[in-house]
PDB file of N, CA and C in Angstrom:
ATOM      1  N   UNK A   1      51.878 132.301 207.909  1.00  0.00           N
ATOM      2  CA  UNK A   1      51.216 132.600 208.845  1.00  0.00           C
ATOM      3  C   UNK A   1      51.594 131.510 209.888  1.00  0.00           C
ATOM      4  N   UNK A   2      51.821 131.806 211.214  1.00  0.00           N
ATOM      5  CA  UNK A   2      51.738 130.759 212.399  1.00  0.00           C
ATOM      6  C   UNK A   2      50.646 130.283 212.732  1.00  0.00           C
ATOM      7  N   UNK A   3      50.899 128.955 213.673  1.00  0.00           N
ATOM      8  CA  UNK A   3      49.879 128.388 214.425  1.00  0.00           C
ATOM      9  C   UNK A   3      50.057 128.750 215.644  1.00  0.00           C
ATOM     10  N   UNK A   4      50.678 129.820 216.382  1.00  0.00           N
ATOM     11  CA  UNK A   4      50.795 130.234 217.314  1.00  0.00           C
ATOM     12  C   UNK A   4      51.424 129.396 218.430  1.00  0.00           C
ATOM     13  N   UNK A   5      50.908 128.787 219.342  1.00  0.00           N
ATOM     14  CA  UNK A   5      51.702 128.144 220.509  1.00  0.00           C
ATOM     15  C   UNK A   5      51.563 126.610 220.116  1.00  0.00           C
ATOM     16  N   UNK A   6      51.019 126.178 218.866  1.00  0.00           N
ATOM     17  CA  UNK A   6      51.183 124.758 218.565  1.00  0.00           C
ATOM     18  C   UNK A   6      52.242 124.534 217.417  1.00  0.00           C
ATOM     19  N   UNK A   7      52.801 126.070 216.940  1.00  0.00           N
ATOM     20  CA  UNK A   7      54.020 125.750 215.966  1.00  0.00           C
ATOM     21  C   UNK A   7      55.126 125.023 216.345  1.00  0.00           C
ATOM     22  N   UNK A   8      55.611 124.101 215.729  1.00  0.00           N
ATOM     23  CA  UNK A   8      56.917 123.564 215.809  1.00  0.00           C
ATOM     24  C   UNK A   8      58.167 124.080 215.265  1.00  0.00           C
ATOM     25  N   UNK A   9      57.588 124.909 214.274  1.00  0.00           N
ATOM     26  CA  UNK A   9      58.824 125.816 213.284  1.00  0.00           C
ATOM     27  C   UNK A   9      58.045 126.436 212.513  1.00  0.00           C
ATOM     28  N   UNK A  10      58.533 127.671 212.115  1.00  0.00           N
ATOM     29  CA  UNK A  10      58.235 128.760 211.188  1.00  0.00           C
ATOM     30  C   UNK A  10      58.952 128.867 210.554  1.00  0.00           C
ATOM     31  N   UNK A  11      58.569 128.779 208.932  1.00  0.00           N
ATOM     32  CA  UNK A  11      59.694 128.939 207.906  1.00  0.00           C
ATOM     33  C   UNK A  11      59.905 130.446 207.772  1.00  0.00           C
ATOM     34  N   UNK A  12      61.343 130.733 207.561  1.00  0.00           N
ATOM     35  CA  UNK A  12      61.334 132.073 207.047  1.00  0.00           C
ATOM     36  C   UNK A  12      62.206 132.372 206.615  1.00  0.00           C
ATOM     37  N   UNK A  13      62.754 133.474 205.541  1.00  0.00           N
ATOM     38  CA  UNK A  13      63.757 133.924 204.993  1.00  0.00           C
ATOM     39  C   UNK A  13      64.803 134.556 205.706  1.00  0.00           C
ATOM     40  N   UNK A  14      65.815 134.028 205.233  1.00  0.00           N
ATOM     41  CA  UNK A  14      67.054 134.495 206.348  1.00  0.00           C
ATOM     42  C   UNK A  14      66.987 135.945 206.937  1.00  0.00           C
ATOM     43  N   UNK A  15      66.961 136.841 205.608  1.00  0.00           N
ATOM     44  CA  UNK A  15      67.003 138.091 206.006  1.00  0.00           C
ATOM     45  C   UNK A  15      65.728 138.886 207.002  1.00  0.00           C
ATOM     46  N   UNK A  16      64.888 138.039 207.098  1.00  0.00           N
ATOM     47  CA  UNK A  16      63.790 138.183 208.280  1.00  0.00           C
ATOM     48  C   UNK A  16      64.219 137.651 209.704  1.00  0.00           C
ATOM     49  N   UNK A  17      65.120 137.001 209.671  1.00  0.00           N
ATOM     50  CA  UNK A  17      65.701 136.739 211.028  1.00  0.00           C
ATOM     51  C   UNK A  17      66.648 137.119 211.813  1.00  0.00           C
ATOM     52  N   UNK A  18      66.816 137.025 213.060  1.00  0.00           N
ATOM     53  CA  UNK A  18      67.554 137.828 213.759  1.00  0.00           C
ATOM     54  C   UNK A  18      67.955 136.751 214.965  1.00  0.00           C
ATOM     55  N   UNK A  19      69.070 137.093 215.760  1.00  0.00           N
ATOM     56  CA  UNK A  19      69.655 136.290 217.094  1.00  0.00           C
ATOM     57  C   UNK A  19      68.928 137.171 217.827  1.00  0.00           C
ATOM     58  N   UNK A  20      68.187 136.707 218.915  1.00  0.00           N
ATOM     59  CA  UNK A  20      67.459 137.388 220.033  1.00  0.00           C
ATOM     60  C   UNK A  20      68.443 136.822 221.118  1.00  0.00           C
ATOM     61  N   UNK A  21      69.479 137.882 221.749  1.00  0.00           N
ATOM     62  CA  UNK A  21      70.107 137.442 222.773  1.00  0.00           C
ATOM     63  C   UNK A  21      69.737 138.127 224.300  1.00  0.00           C
ATOM     64  N   UNK A  22      68.628 138.442 224.389  1.00  0.00           N
ATOM     65  CA  UNK A  22      68.222 139.030 225.390  1.00  0.00           C
ATOM     66  C   UNK A  22      66.984 138.198 225.751  1.00  0.00           C
ATOM     67  N   UNK A  23      66.846 137.322 226.760  1.00  0.00           N
ATOM     68  CA  UNK A  23      65.827 136.249 226.883  1.00  0.00           C
ATOM     69  C   UNK A  23      64.713 136.955 227.271  1.00  0.00           C
ATOM     70  N   UNK A  24      64.570 138.115 228.316  1.00  0.00           N
ATOM     71  CA  UNK A  24      63.390 138.694 228.030  1.00  0.00           C
ATOM     72  C   UNK A  24      62.550 139.220 227.269  1.00  0.00           C
ATOM     73  N   UNK A  25      63.275 139.415 226.233  1.00  0.00           N
ATOM     74  CA  UNK A  25      62.797 140.064 225.153  1.00  0.00           C
ATOM     75  C   UNK A  25      62.074 139.024 224.105  1.00  0.00           C
ATOM     76  N   UNK A  26      62.374 137.977 224.153  1.00  0.00           N
ATOM     77  CA  UNK A  26      61.771 136.643 223.426  1.00  0.00           C
ATOM     78  C   UNK A  26      60.528 136.386 223.852  1.00  0.00           C
ATOM     79  N   UNK A  27      59.703 136.339 224.866  1.00  0.00           N
ATOM     80  CA  UNK A  27      58.319 136.052 224.885  1.00  0.00           C
ATOM     81  C   UNK A  27      57.515 137.014 224.184  1.00  0.00           C
ATOM     82  N   UNK A  28      57.944 138.497 224.392  1.00  0.00           N
ATOM     83  CA  UNK A  28      57.137 139.447 223.876  1.00  0.00           C
ATOM     84  C   UNK A  28      57.432 139.450 222.079  1.00  0.00           C
ATOM     85  N   UNK A  29      58.247 139.193 221.961  1.00  0.00           N
ATOM     86  CA  UNK A  29      58.737 138.945 220.457  1.00  0.00           C
ATOM     87  C   UNK A  29      57.493 137.981 219.631  1.00  0.00           C
ATOM     88  N   UNK A  30      57.643 136.739 220.610  1.00  0.00           N
ATOM     89  CA  UNK A  30      57.054 135.521 220.268  1.00  0.00           C
ATOM     90  C   UNK A  30      55.162 136.149 220.118  1.00  0.00           C
ATOM     91  N   UNK A  31      54.855 137.098 221.139  1.00  0.00           N
ATOM     92  CA  UNK A  31      53.692 137.616 221.490  1.00  0.00           C
ATOM     93  C   UNK A  31      53.162 138.307 220.103  1.00  0.00           C
ATOM     94  N   UNK A  32      53.950 139.197 219.982  1.00  0.00           N
ATOM     95  CA  UNK A  32      53.908 140.043 218.823  1.00  0.00           C
ATOM     96  C   UNK A  32      53.385 139.348 217.779  1.00  0.00           C
ATOM     97  N   UNK A  33      54.721 138.392 217.252  1.00  0.00           N
ATOM     98  CA  UNK A  33      54.495 137.823 215.785  1.00  0.00           C
ATOM     99  C   UNK A  33      53.064 136.932 216.326  1.00  0.00           C
ATOM    100  N   UNK A  34      52.770 136.386 217.277  1.00  0.00           N
ATOM    101  CA  UNK A  34      51.465 135.786 217.533  1.00  0.00           C
ATOM    102  C   UNK A  34      50.082 136.555 216.886  1.00  0.00           C
ATOM    103  N   UNK A  35      49.910 137.556 217.237  1.00  0.00           N
ATOM    104  CA  UNK A  35      48.907 138.472 217.150  1.00  0.00           C
ATOM    105  C   UNK A  35      49.250 139.257 215.492  1.00  0.00           C
ATOM    106  N   UNK A  36      50.250 139.665 215.308  1.00  0.00           N
ATOM    107  CA  UNK A  36      50.465 140.185 213.688  1.00  0.00           C
ATOM    108  C   UNK A  36      50.422 139.457 212.818  1.00  0.00           C
ATOM    109  N   UNK A  37      50.685 138.289 212.860  1.00  0.00           N
ATOM    110  CA  UNK A  37      50.615 137.136 211.675  1.00  0.00           C
ATOM    111  C   UNK A  37      49.173 137.149 211.164  1.00  0.00           C
ATOM    112  N   UNK A  38      47.998 137.136 212.096  1.00  0.00           N
ATOM    113  CA  UNK A  38      46.695 136.628 211.221  1.00  0.00           C
ATOM    114  C   UNK A  38      46.229 138.148 211.229  1.00  0.00           C
ATOM    115  N   UNK A  39      46.465 139.134 212.023  1.00  0.00           N
ATOM    116  CA  UNK A  39      46.014 140.566 211.610  1.00  0.00           C
ATOM    117  C   UNK A  39      46.358 140.842 209.924  1.00  0.00           C
ATOM    118  N   UNK A  40      47.789 140.541 209.918  1.00  0.00           N
ATOM    119  CA  UNK A  40      48.166 141.153 208.582  1.00  0.00           C
ATOM    120  C   UNK A  40      47.600 140.066 207.446  1.00  0.00           C
ATOM    121  N   UNK A  41      47.544 139.044 207.614  1.00  0.00           N
ATOM    122  CA  UNK A  41      46.745 137.763 206.892  1.00  0.00           C
ATOM    123  C   UNK A  41      45.681 138.159 206.491  1.00  0.00           C
ATOM    124  N   UNK A  42      44.831 138.312 207.217  1.00  0.00           N
ATOM    125  CA  UNK A  42      43.622 138.555 207.292  1.00  0.00           C
ATOM    126  C   UNK A  42      43.085 140.011 206.814  1.00  0.00           C
ATOM    127  N   UNK A  43      43.755 141.304 206.754  1.00  0.00           N
ATOM    128  CA  UNK A  43      43.555 142.356 206.609  1.00  0.00           C
ATOM    129  C   UNK A  43      42.676 143.044 207.310  1.00  0.00           C
ATOM    130  N   UNK A  44      43.039 142.940 208.893  1.00  0.00           N
ATOM    131  CA  UNK A  44      42.044 143.320 209.880  1.00  0.00           C
ATOM    132  C   UNK A  44      41.639 144.933 209.684  1.00  0.00           C
ATOM    133  N   UNK A  45      40.399 145.383 210.201  1.00  0.00           N
ATOM    134  CA  UNK A  45      40.405 146.726 210.064  1.00  0.00           C
ATOM    135  C   UNK A  45      39.724 147.049 211.546  1.00  0.00           C
ATOM    136  N   UNK A  46      39.467 146.139 212.256  1.00  0.00           N
ATOM    137  CA  UNK A  46      38.881 145.886 213.735  1.00  0.00           C
ATOM    138  C   UNK A  46      39.139 145.005 214.460  1.00  0.00           C
ATOM    139  N   UNK A  47      39.302 145.036 215.753  1.00  0.00           N
ATOM    140  CA  UNK A  47      40.078 143.786 216.741  1.00  0.00           C
ATOM    141  C   UNK A  47      39.325 144.017 217.871  1.00  0.00           C
ATOM    142  N   UNK A  48      38.696 142.872 218.533  1.00  0.00           N
ATOM    143  CA  UNK A  48      38.126 142.738 219.775  1.00  0.00           C
ATOM    144  C   UNK A  48      38.837 141.770 220.710  1.00  0.00           C
ATOM    145  N   UNK A  49      39.420 142.440 221.680  1.00  0.00           N
ATOM    146  CA  UNK A  49      40.128 141.400 222.517  1.00  0.00           C
ATOM    147  C   UNK A  49      39.180 141.129 223.883  1.00  0.00           C
ATOM    148  N   UNK A  50      38.926 140.195 224.448  1.00  0.00           N
ATOM    149  CA  UNK A  50      38.617 139.681 225.530  1.00  0.00           C
ATOM    150  C   UNK A  50      39.416 139.570 226.486  1.00  0.00           C
ATOM    151  N   UNK A  51      39.705 140.521 227.574  1.00  0.00           N
ATOM    152  CA  UNK A  51      40.990 140.263 228.611  1.00  0.00           C
ATOM    153  C   UNK A  51      42.070 141.235 228.360  1.00  0.00           C
ATOM    154  N   UNK A  52      42.702 141.702 228.975  1.00  0.00           N
ATOM    155  CA  UNK A  52      43.807 142.608 228.840  1.00  0.00           C
ATOM    156  C   UNK A  52      44.927 142.081 229.484  1.00  0.00           C
ATOM    157  N   UNK A  53      45.331 140.856 229.371  1.00  0.00           N
ATOM    158  CA  UNK A  53      46.384 140.118 229.903  1.00  0.00           C
ATOM    159  C   UNK A  53      47.196 140.468 228.956  1.00  0.00           C
ATOM    160  N   UNK A  54      48.268 139.450 228.829  1.00  0.00           N
ATOM    161  CA  UNK A  54      49.962 139.209 227.947  1.00  0.00           C
ATOM    162  C   UNK A  54      49.319 139.513 226.752  1.00  0.00           C
ATOM    163  N   UNK A  55      48.853 139.003 226.031  1.00  0.00           N
ATOM    164  CA  UNK A  55      48.652 138.644 224.623  1.00  0.00           C
ATOM    165  C   UNK A  55      47.399 139.993 224.296  1.00  0.00           C
ATOM    166  N   UNK A  56      46.529 140.135 225.313  1.00  0.00           N
ATOM    167  CA  UNK A  56      45.522 141.082 225.143  1.00  0.00           C
ATOM    168  C   UNK A  56      46.462 142.609 224.785  1.00  0.00           C
ATOM    169  N   UNK A  57      47.388 142.582 225.699  1.00  0.00           N
ATOM    170  CA  UNK A  57      47.875 144.158 225.334  1.00  0.00           C
ATOM    171  C   UNK A  57      48.828 144.343 224.408  1.00  0.00           C
ATOM    172  N   UNK A  58      49.232 143.071 224.355  1.00  0.00           N
ATOM    173  CA  UNK A  58      49.916 142.973 222.613  1.00  0.00           C
ATOM    174  C   UNK A  58      49.007 143.403 221.430  1.00  0.00           C
ATOM    175  N   UNK A  59      48.112 142.621 221.500  1.00  0.00           N
ATOM    176  CA  UNK A  59      47.147 142.611 220.191  1.00  0.00           C
ATOM    177  C   UNK A  59      46.481 144.195 220.373  1.00  0.00           C
ATOM    178  N   UNK A  60      46.412 144.823 221.369  1.00  0.00           N
ATOM    179  CA  UNK A  60      45.873 146.034 221.419  1.00  0.00           C
ATOM    180  C   UNK A  60      46.783 146.995 220.783  1.00  0.00           C
ATOM    181  N   UNK A  61      47.927 147.287 221.217  1.00  0.00           N
ATOM    182  CA  UNK A  61      49.303 147.877 220.603  1.00  0.00           C
ATOM    183  C   UNK A  61      49.480 147.373 219.167  1.00  0.00           C
ATOM    184  N   UNK A  62      49.282 146.320 219.000  1.00  0.00           N
ATOM    185  CA  UNK A  62      49.650 145.713 217.339  1.00  0.00           C
ATOM    186  C   UNK A  62      48.558 146.533 216.420  1.00  0.00           C
ATOM    187  N   UNK A  63      47.547 146.081 216.945  1.00  0.00           N
ATOM    188  CA  UNK A  63      46.259 146.506 216.217  1.00  0.00           C
ATOM    189  C   UNK A  63      46.007 148.032 216.225  1.00  0.00           C
ATOM    190  N   UNK A  64      46.571 148.787 217.066  1.00  0.00           N
ATOM    191  CA  UNK A  64      46.446 150.383 216.867  1.00  0.00           C
ATOM    192  C   UNK A  64      47.419 150.614 215.829  1.00  0.00           C
ATOM    193  N   UNK A  65      48.857 150.106 215.932  1.00  0.00           N
ATOM    194  CA  UNK A  65      50.018 150.458 215.223  1.00  0.00           C
ATOM    195  C   UNK A  65      49.867 150.242 213.814  1.00  0.00           C
ATOM    196  N   UNK A  66      48.730 149.213 213.361  1.00  0.00           N
ATOM    197  CA  UNK A  66      48.266 149.013 212.191  1.00  0.00           C
ATOM    198  C   UNK A  66      47.378 149.783 211.244  1.00  0.00           C
ATOM    199  N   UNK A  67      46.684 150.946 212.564  1.00  0.00           N
ATOM    200  CA  UNK A  67      45.639 151.490 212.390  1.00  0.00           C
ATOM    201  C   UNK A  67      43.927 150.883 212.376  1.00  0.00           C
ATOM    202  N   UNK A  68      43.878 149.833 213.039  1.00  0.00           N
ATOM    203  CA  UNK A  68      42.756 149.050 213.272  1.00  0.00           C
ATOM    204  C   UNK A  68      42.013 149.887 214.755  1.00  0.00           C
ATOM    205  N   UNK A  69      40.610 149.553 214.570  1.00  0.00           N
ATOM    206  CA  UNK A  69      39.791 149.912 215.697  1.00  0.00           C
ATOM    207  C   UNK A  69      39.764 148.615 216.666  1.00  0.00           C
ATOM    208  N   UNK A  70      40.104 149.133 218.016  1.00  0.00           N
ATOM    209  CA  UNK A  70      40.192 148.186 218.978  1.00  0.00           C
ATOM    210  C   UNK A  70      39.162 148.433 219.854  1.00  0.00           C
ATOM    211  N   UNK A  71      38.489 147.355 220.503  1.00  0.00           N
ATOM    212  CA  UNK A  71      37.805 147.405 221.566  1.00  0.00           C
ATOM    213  C   UNK A  71      37.904 146.228 222.309  1.00  0.00           C
ATOM    214  N   UNK A  72      38.118 146.628 223.643  1.00  0.00           N
ATOM    215  CA  UNK A  72      38.629 145.759 224.788  1.00  0.00           C
ATOM    216  C   UNK A  72      37.604 145.315 225.515  1.00  0.00           C
ATOM    217  N   UNK A  73      37.390 143.983 225.988  1.00  0.00           N
ATOM    218  CA  UNK A  73      36.350 143.764 227.378  1.00  0.00           C
ATOM    219  C   UNK A  73      37.131 143.248 228.619  1.00  0.00           C
ATOM    220  N   UNK A  74      37.006 143.809 229.627  1.00  0.00           N
ATOM    221  CA  UNK A  74      37.497 143.301 230.798  1.00  0.00           C
ATOM    222  C   UNK A  74      36.382 143.859 232.077  1.00  0.00           C
ATOM    223  N   UNK A  75      36.604 142.917 233.090  1.00  0.00           N
ATOM    224  CA  UNK A  75      35.749 143.159 234.333  1.00  0.00           C
ATOM    225  C   UNK A  75      36.677 144.169 235.130  1.00  0.00           C
ATOM    226  N   UNK A  76      37.824 144.218 235.025  1.00  0.00           N
ATOM    227  CA  UNK A  76      38.720 145.316 236.154  1.00  0.00           C
ATOM    228  C   UNK A  76      38.741 146.901 235.391  1.00  0.00           C
ATOM    229  N   UNK A  77      38.635 147.595 236.346  1.00  0.00           N
ATOM    230  CA  UNK A  77      38.284 148.924 236.035  1.00  0.00           C
ATOM    231  C   UNK A  77      40.057 149.263 235.842  1.00  0.00           C
ATOM    232  N   UNK A  78      40.901 148.876 236.517  1.00  0.00           N
ATOM    233  CA  UNK A  78      42.460 149.170 236.255  1.00  0.00           C
ATOM    234  C   UNK A  78      42.935 148.686 234.974  1.00  0.00           C
ATOM    235  N   UNK A  79      42.395 147.529 234.406  1.00  0.00           N
ATOM    236  CA  UNK A  79      42.755 147.066 233.194  1.00  0.00           C
ATOM    237  C   UNK A  79      42.178 147.762 231.967  1.00  0.00           C
ATOM    238  N   UNK A  80      40.844 148.405 232.323  1.00  0.00           N
ATOM    239  CA  UNK A  80      40.047 149.240 230.993  1.00  0.00           C
ATOM    240  C   UNK A  80      40.856 150.290 231.354  1.00  0.00           C
ATOM    241  N   UNK A  81      41.415 150.730 231.939  1.00  0.00           N
ATOM    242  CA  UNK A  81      42.286 152.466 232.076  1.00  0.00           C
ATOM    243  C   UNK A  81      43.306 151.993 231.122  1.00  0.00           C
ATOM    244  N   UNK A  82      43.795 150.726 231.479  1.00  0.00           N
ATOM    245  CA  UNK A  82      45.182 150.254 230.895  1.00  0.00           C
ATOM    246  C   UNK A  82      44.796 149.963 229.239  1.00  0.00           C
ATOM    247  N   UNK A  83      43.489 149.812 229.079  1.00  0.00           N
ATOM    248  CA  UNK A  83      43.554 149.476 227.683  1.00  0.00           C
ATOM    249  C   UNK A  83      43.212 150.698 227.026  1.00  0.00           C
ATOM    250  N   UNK A  84      42.513 151.657 227.698  1.00  0.00           N
ATOM    251  CA  UNK A  84      42.193 152.901 227.099  1.00  0.00           C
ATOM    252  C   UNK A  84      43.571 153.716 226.656  1.00  0.00           C
ATOM    253  N   UNK A  85      44.604 153.568 227.408  1.00  0.00           N
ATOM    254  CA  UNK A  85      45.645 154.372 227.527  1.00  0.00           C
ATOM    255  C   UNK A  85      46.849 153.699 226.472  1.00  0.00           C
ATOM    256  N   UNK A  86      46.499 152.235 226.137  1.00  0.00           N
ATOM    257  CA  UNK A  86      46.737 151.547 224.684  1.00  0.00           C
ATOM    258  C   UNK A  86      46.171 151.706 223.525  1.00  0.00           C
ATOM    259  N   UNK A  87      45.080 152.418 223.677  1.00  0.00           N
ATOM    260  CA  UNK A  87      44.490 152.792 222.392  1.00  0.00           C
ATOM    261  C   UNK A  87      42.984 152.120 222.214  1.00  0.00           C
ATOM    262  N   UNK A  88      42.747 151.554 223.239  1.00  0.00           N
ATOM    263  CA  UNK A  88      41.334 150.505 222.685  1.00  0.00           C
ATOM    264  C   UNK A  88      40.253 151.602 223.128  1.00  0.00           C
TER     265      UNK A  88
END
């Protein structure tokens, strides 16, 4: 499990590592790992996200991909539609 933005390093087996040569992909990969790790660790079945920003969108997609029920809170109608399209 990672410590999110507070991590200095993450131990990993070599087969799980890859070189990411596309800089635009790196933040998305980091966000996906930041939300997937606790989901998997705690065996979640439902997720609530407050806000549909960067990590909120990744959390919705990741949670839906592993079969979790997702509820999203936002004050923006446009972001509410976005969350519904992503599976919240």
